[in-house]
Amino acid sequence: MGRRLQEAENDEVKASLSKCVRCGSSDLEDRDVEKLVRGGDDVVALRVQATVCHHCGERYLPDEAVRALEQARRDVAQGKVGRFRALGRLLAPQPDPAG
């Protein structure tokens, strides 16, 4: 997608958001956020642009960011992980055997 189209989409999100839909605050900021996408046993961390409410933390993603997250989810679910690099290990709690 061209940079001008991306900027136009971001401007549309900004223009339509004068206040947070969730809490009503007008304290909104455009910034990069990290989103986690899971596919099977794999998890991908993606940085995407979002409009974030400083009051409640609600995040509003432009269409381009949503498409990137959806594509990453499809790729990971299909085992297409070649474009991602390993960052470390993801650990989850083990079930309590006594429980």
N, C-alpha and C. Protein backbone atom coordinates (compact mmCIF):
# COMPACT_ATOMS: atom_id res chain seq x y z
N MET A 1 0.85 -1.17 0.00
CA MET A 1 0.00 0.00 0.00
C MET A 1 0.90 1.23 0.00
N GLY A 2 0.52 2.22 -0.80
CA GLY A 2 1.33 3.42 -0.89
C GLY A 2 1.25 4.26 0.38
N ARG A 3 2.30 5.03 0.59
CA ARG A 3 2.37 5.87 1.81
C ARG A 3 1.22 6.88 1.86
N ARG A 4 0.87 7.47 0.71
CA ARG A 4 -0.22 8.45 0.70
C ARG A 4 -1.54 7.81 1.10
N LEU A 5 -1.81 6.60 0.61
CA LEU A 5 -3.04 5.91 0.98
C LEU A 5 -3.04 5.58 2.46
N GLN A 6 -1.89 5.14 2.97
CA GLN A 6 -1.77 4.84 4.41
C GLN A 6 -2.05 6.11 5.22
N GLU A 7 -1.46 7.22 4.83
CA GLU A 7 -1.68 8.48 5.54
C GLU A 7 -3.14 8.90 5.46
N ALA A 8 -3.77 8.67 4.31
CA ALA A 8 -5.18 9.02 4.15
C ALA A 8 -6.04 8.17 5.08
N GLU A 9 -5.74 6.87 5.18
CA GLU A 9 -6.49 6.00 6.09
C GLU A 9 -6.31 6.45 7.53
N ASN A 10 -5.08 6.77 7.92
CA ASN A 10 -4.83 7.23 9.28
C ASN A 10 -5.57 8.54 9.55
N ASP A 11 -5.62 9.43 8.55
CA ASP A 11 -6.35 10.68 8.70
C ASP A 11 -7.84 10.43 8.87
N GLU A 12 -8.37 9.40 8.17
CA GLU A 12 -9.78 9.05 8.31
C GLU A 12 -10.08 8.60 9.74
N VAL A 13 -9.20 7.76 10.30
CA VAL A 13 -9.40 7.29 11.67
C VAL A 13 -9.37 8.47 12.62
N LYS A 14 -8.39 9.36 12.46
CA LYS A 14 -8.28 10.55 13.32
C LYS A 14 -9.51 11.43 13.18
N ALA A 15 -9.94 11.65 11.94
CA ALA A 15 -11.06 12.54 11.69
C ALA A 15 -12.35 12.00 12.30
N SER A 16 -12.51 10.70 12.29
CA SER A 16 -13.75 10.12 12.81
C SER A 16 -13.71 9.96 14.33
N LEU A 17 -12.56 10.13 14.94
CA LEU A 17 -12.43 9.96 16.39
C LEU A 17 -12.09 11.28 17.05
N SER A 18 -13.08 11.97 17.51
CA SER A 18 -12.80 13.18 18.28
C SER A 18 -12.81 12.85 19.77
N LYS A 19 -13.44 11.70 20.10
CA LYS A 19 -13.42 11.23 21.48
C LYS A 19 -13.55 9.72 21.49
N CYS A 20 -13.15 9.13 22.58
CA CYS A 20 -13.17 7.68 22.74
C CYS A 20 -14.62 7.19 22.82
N VAL A 21 -14.92 6.17 22.05
CA VAL A 21 -16.27 5.60 22.05
C VAL A 21 -16.55 4.91 23.38
N ARG A 22 -15.53 4.35 23.98
CA ARG A 22 -15.71 3.58 25.22
C ARG A 22 -15.94 4.47 26.44
N CYS A 23 -15.11 5.52 26.62
CA CYS A 23 -15.19 6.31 27.85
C CYS A 23 -15.55 7.78 27.63
N GLY A 24 -15.51 8.23 26.38
CA GLY A 24 -15.86 9.61 26.09
C GLY A 24 -14.71 10.61 26.18
N SER A 25 -13.53 10.18 26.58
CA SER A 25 -12.39 11.07 26.70
C SER A 25 -11.95 11.56 25.32
N SER A 26 -11.48 12.79 25.26
CA SER A 26 -10.93 13.32 24.01
C SER A 26 -9.41 13.29 24.02
N ASP A 27 -8.82 12.65 25.01
CA ASP A 27 -7.36 12.56 25.14
C ASP A 27 -6.86 11.34 24.36
N LEU A 28 -6.75 11.49 23.04
CA LEU A 28 -6.35 10.41 22.14
C LEU A 28 -4.99 10.69 21.55
N GLU A 29 -4.23 9.63 21.29
CA GLU A 29 -2.89 9.78 20.72
C GLU A 29 -2.64 8.69 19.69
N ASP A 30 -2.02 9.05 18.58
CA ASP A 30 -1.58 8.06 17.59
C ASP A 30 -0.20 7.59 17.99
N ARG A 31 -0.04 6.27 18.05
CA ARG A 31 1.26 5.71 18.40
C ARG A 31 1.34 4.25 17.98
N ASP A 32 2.56 3.72 18.01
CA ASP A 32 2.77 2.31 17.73
C ASP A 32 2.40 1.50 18.96
N VAL A 33 1.73 0.37 18.73
CA VAL A 33 1.38 -0.53 19.81
C VAL A 33 1.80 -1.94 19.41
N GLU A 34 1.97 -2.78 20.39
CA GLU A 34 2.31 -4.18 20.11
C GLU A 34 1.06 -5.02 20.26
N LYS A 35 0.79 -5.82 19.24
CA LYS A 35 -0.35 -6.74 19.26
C LYS A 35 0.19 -8.15 19.13
N LEU A 36 -0.37 -9.07 19.88
CA LEU A 36 0.02 -10.47 19.80
C LEU A 36 -0.99 -11.23 18.97
N VAL A 37 -0.49 -12.03 18.04
CA VAL A 37 -1.32 -12.84 17.16
C VAL A 37 -0.95 -14.29 17.38
N ARG A 38 -1.95 -15.11 17.64
CA ARG A 38 -1.69 -16.53 17.91
C ARG A 38 -2.21 -17.37 16.76
N GLY A 39 -1.42 -18.36 16.39
CA GLY A 39 -1.80 -19.35 15.39
C GLY A 39 -1.26 -20.69 15.82
N GLY A 40 -2.12 -21.58 16.28
CA GLY A 40 -1.65 -22.86 16.80
C GLY A 40 -0.83 -22.63 18.05
N ASP A 41 0.38 -23.19 18.08
CA ASP A 41 1.28 -23.02 19.23
C ASP A 41 2.19 -21.81 19.09
N ASP A 42 2.10 -21.10 17.97
CA ASP A 42 2.97 -19.96 17.72
C ASP A 42 2.28 -18.65 18.06
N VAL A 43 3.07 -17.69 18.53
CA VAL A 43 2.58 -16.35 18.83
C VAL A 43 3.52 -15.37 18.15
N VAL A 44 2.94 -14.40 17.45
CA VAL A 44 3.72 -13.38 16.75
C VAL A 44 3.42 -12.04 17.39
N ALA A 45 4.46 -11.26 17.67
CA ALA A 45 4.31 -9.91 18.19
C ALA A 45 4.50 -8.94 17.03
N LEU A 46 3.47 -8.15 16.75
CA LEU A 46 3.52 -7.17 15.67
C LEU A 46 3.37 -5.77 16.23
N ARG A 47 4.13 -4.84 15.68
CA ARG A 47 3.97 -3.42 16.04
C ARG A 47 3.13 -2.78 14.94
N VAL A 48 2.03 -2.16 15.33
CA VAL A 48 1.14 -1.51 14.38
C VAL A 48 0.77 -0.13 14.90
N GLN A 49 0.35 0.74 13.98
CA GLN A 49 -0.10 2.08 14.34
C GLN A 49 -1.52 1.99 14.88
N ALA A 50 -1.82 2.74 15.93
CA ALA A 50 -3.17 2.78 16.50
C ALA A 50 -3.41 4.15 17.12
N THR A 51 -4.68 4.48 17.27
CA THR A 51 -5.08 5.63 18.05
C THR A 51 -5.47 5.09 19.42
N VAL A 52 -4.84 5.61 20.47
CA VAL A 52 -5.02 5.07 21.81
C VAL A 52 -5.60 6.13 22.73
N CYS A 53 -6.59 5.74 23.52
CA CYS A 53 -7.19 6.63 24.51
C CYS A 53 -6.31 6.62 25.76
N HIS A 54 -5.88 7.79 26.20
CA HIS A 54 -5.04 7.88 27.41
C HIS A 54 -5.83 7.59 28.68
N HIS A 55 -7.12 7.76 28.64
CA HIS A 55 -7.94 7.58 29.84
C HIS A 55 -8.23 6.10 30.12
N CYS A 56 -8.71 5.37 29.12
CA CYS A 56 -9.11 3.97 29.37
C CYS A 56 -8.25 2.94 28.64
N GLY A 57 -7.38 3.39 27.71
CA GLY A 57 -6.50 2.46 27.01
C GLY A 57 -7.08 1.83 25.75
N GLU A 58 -8.32 2.17 25.41
CA GLU A 58 -8.95 1.62 24.21
C GLU A 58 -8.07 1.93 23.00
N ARG A 59 -7.95 0.94 22.10
CA ARG A 59 -7.12 1.09 20.90
C ARG A 59 -8.00 1.03 19.66
N TYR A 60 -7.77 1.95 18.75
CA TYR A 60 -8.49 1.99 17.48
C TYR A 60 -7.47 1.77 16.38
N LEU A 61 -7.65 0.70 15.60
CA LEU A 61 -6.69 0.33 14.56
C LEU A 61 -7.21 0.73 13.19
N PRO A 62 -6.35 1.33 12.37
CA PRO A 62 -6.75 1.61 10.99
C PRO A 62 -6.86 0.30 10.20
N ASP A 63 -7.55 0.35 9.08
CA ASP A 63 -7.77 -0.85 8.27
C ASP A 63 -6.47 -1.56 7.91
N GLU A 64 -5.42 -0.79 7.61
CA GLU A 64 -4.14 -1.40 7.23
C GLU A 64 -3.57 -2.26 8.35
N ALA A 65 -3.68 -1.79 9.58
CA ALA A 65 -3.18 -2.56 10.72
C ALA A 65 -4.00 -3.83 10.92
N VAL A 66 -5.31 -3.73 10.75
CA VAL A 66 -6.17 -4.91 10.88
C VAL A 66 -5.81 -5.93 9.81
N ARG A 67 -5.60 -5.47 8.59
CA ARG A 67 -5.21 -6.40 7.52
C ARG A 67 -3.88 -7.08 7.82
N ALA A 68 -2.92 -6.34 8.36
CA ALA A 68 -1.62 -6.92 8.70
C ALA A 68 -1.76 -7.98 9.78
N LEU A 69 -2.59 -7.72 10.77
CA LEU A 69 -2.82 -8.70 11.85
C LEU A 69 -3.52 -9.95 11.31
N GLU A 70 -4.51 -9.77 10.46
CA GLU A 70 -5.22 -10.90 9.88
C GLU A 70 -4.29 -11.75 9.01
N GLN A 71 -3.42 -11.09 8.23
CA GLN A 71 -2.48 -11.83 7.38
C GLN A 71 -1.49 -12.60 8.24
N ALA A 72 -0.99 -11.99 9.29
CA ALA A 72 -0.06 -12.68 10.19
C ALA A 72 -0.73 -13.89 10.82
N ARG A 73 -1.99 -13.75 11.23
CA ARG A 73 -2.73 -14.87 11.84
C ARG A 73 -2.88 -16.01 10.83
N ARG A 74 -3.22 -15.69 9.57
CA ARG A 74 -3.34 -16.73 8.54
C ARG A 74 -2.00 -17.41 8.31
N ASP A 75 -0.93 -16.61 8.18
CA ASP A 75 0.40 -17.17 7.91
C ASP A 75 0.82 -18.12 9.02
N VAL A 76 0.67 -17.69 10.26
CA VAL A 76 1.11 -18.52 11.39
C VAL A 76 0.27 -19.79 11.49
N ALA A 77 -1.03 -19.67 11.28
CA ALA A 77 -1.91 -20.84 11.35
C ALA A 77 -1.56 -21.87 10.27
N GLN A 78 -1.03 -21.40 9.14
CA GLN A 78 -0.63 -22.28 8.04
C GLN A 78 0.83 -22.71 8.13
N GLY A 79 1.50 -22.32 9.20
CA GLY A 79 2.90 -22.69 9.38
C GLY A 79 3.87 -21.87 8.57
N LYS A 80 3.42 -20.77 8.00
CA LYS A 80 4.28 -19.89 7.19
C LYS A 80 4.94 -18.87 8.11
N VAL A 81 5.98 -19.30 8.79
CA VAL A 81 6.62 -18.45 9.79
C VAL A 81 7.99 -17.93 9.34
N GLY A 82 8.34 -18.14 8.09
CA GLY A 82 9.65 -17.74 7.58
C GLY A 82 9.92 -16.24 7.65
N ARG A 83 8.88 -15.41 7.60
CA ARG A 83 9.11 -13.96 7.64
C ARG A 83 9.21 -13.42 9.06
N PHE A 84 9.07 -14.30 10.04
CA PHE A 84 9.18 -13.89 11.45
C PHE A 84 10.47 -14.46 12.03
N ARG A 85 11.01 -13.79 13.04
CA ARG A 85 12.22 -14.30 13.69
C ARG A 85 11.89 -14.63 15.14
N ALA A 86 12.60 -15.60 15.67
CA ALA A 86 12.40 -16.00 17.06
C ALA A 86 12.98 -14.94 17.98
N LEU A 87 12.21 -14.54 18.98
CA LEU A 87 12.67 -13.53 19.93
C LEU A 87 13.07 -14.15 21.27
N GLY A 88 12.63 -15.30 21.53
CA GLY A 88 12.88 -15.94 22.83
C GLY A 88 11.89 -17.05 23.03
N ARG A 89 11.47 -17.24 24.25
CA ARG A 89 10.50 -18.30 24.54
C ARG A 89 9.24 -17.69 25.15
N LEU A 90 8.13 -18.27 24.80
CA LEU A 90 6.87 -17.89 25.41
C LEU A 90 6.51 -18.97 26.41
N LEU A 91 6.34 -18.58 27.64
CA LEU A 91 6.05 -19.55 28.70
C LEU A 91 4.64 -19.35 29.22
N ALA A 92 3.97 -20.45 29.49
CA ALA A 92 2.63 -20.40 30.05
C ALA A 92 2.63 -21.26 31.31
N PRO A 93 1.78 -20.93 32.30
CA PRO A 93 1.75 -21.74 33.51
C PRO A 93 1.32 -23.17 33.21
N GLN A 94 1.91 -24.09 33.92
CA GLN A 94 1.52 -25.49 33.80
C GLN A 94 0.31 -25.74 34.70
N PRO A 95 -0.57 -26.63 34.27
CA PRO A 95 -1.71 -26.96 35.13
C PRO A 95 -1.23 -27.55 36.45
N ASP A 96 -1.93 -27.22 37.51
CA ASP A 96 -1.61 -27.74 38.82
C ASP A 96 -2.03 -29.19 38.88
N PRO A 97 -1.06 -30.14 39.08
CA PRO A 97 -1.43 -31.56 39.08
C PRO A 97 -2.35 -31.94 40.25
N ALA A 98 -2.34 -31.13 41.31
CA ALA A 98 -3.17 -31.45 42.46
C ALA A 98 -4.59 -30.91 42.29
N GLY A 99 -4.77 -30.03 41.29
CA GLY A 99 -5.94 -29.26 41.17
C GLY A 99 -7.18 -29.71 40.65
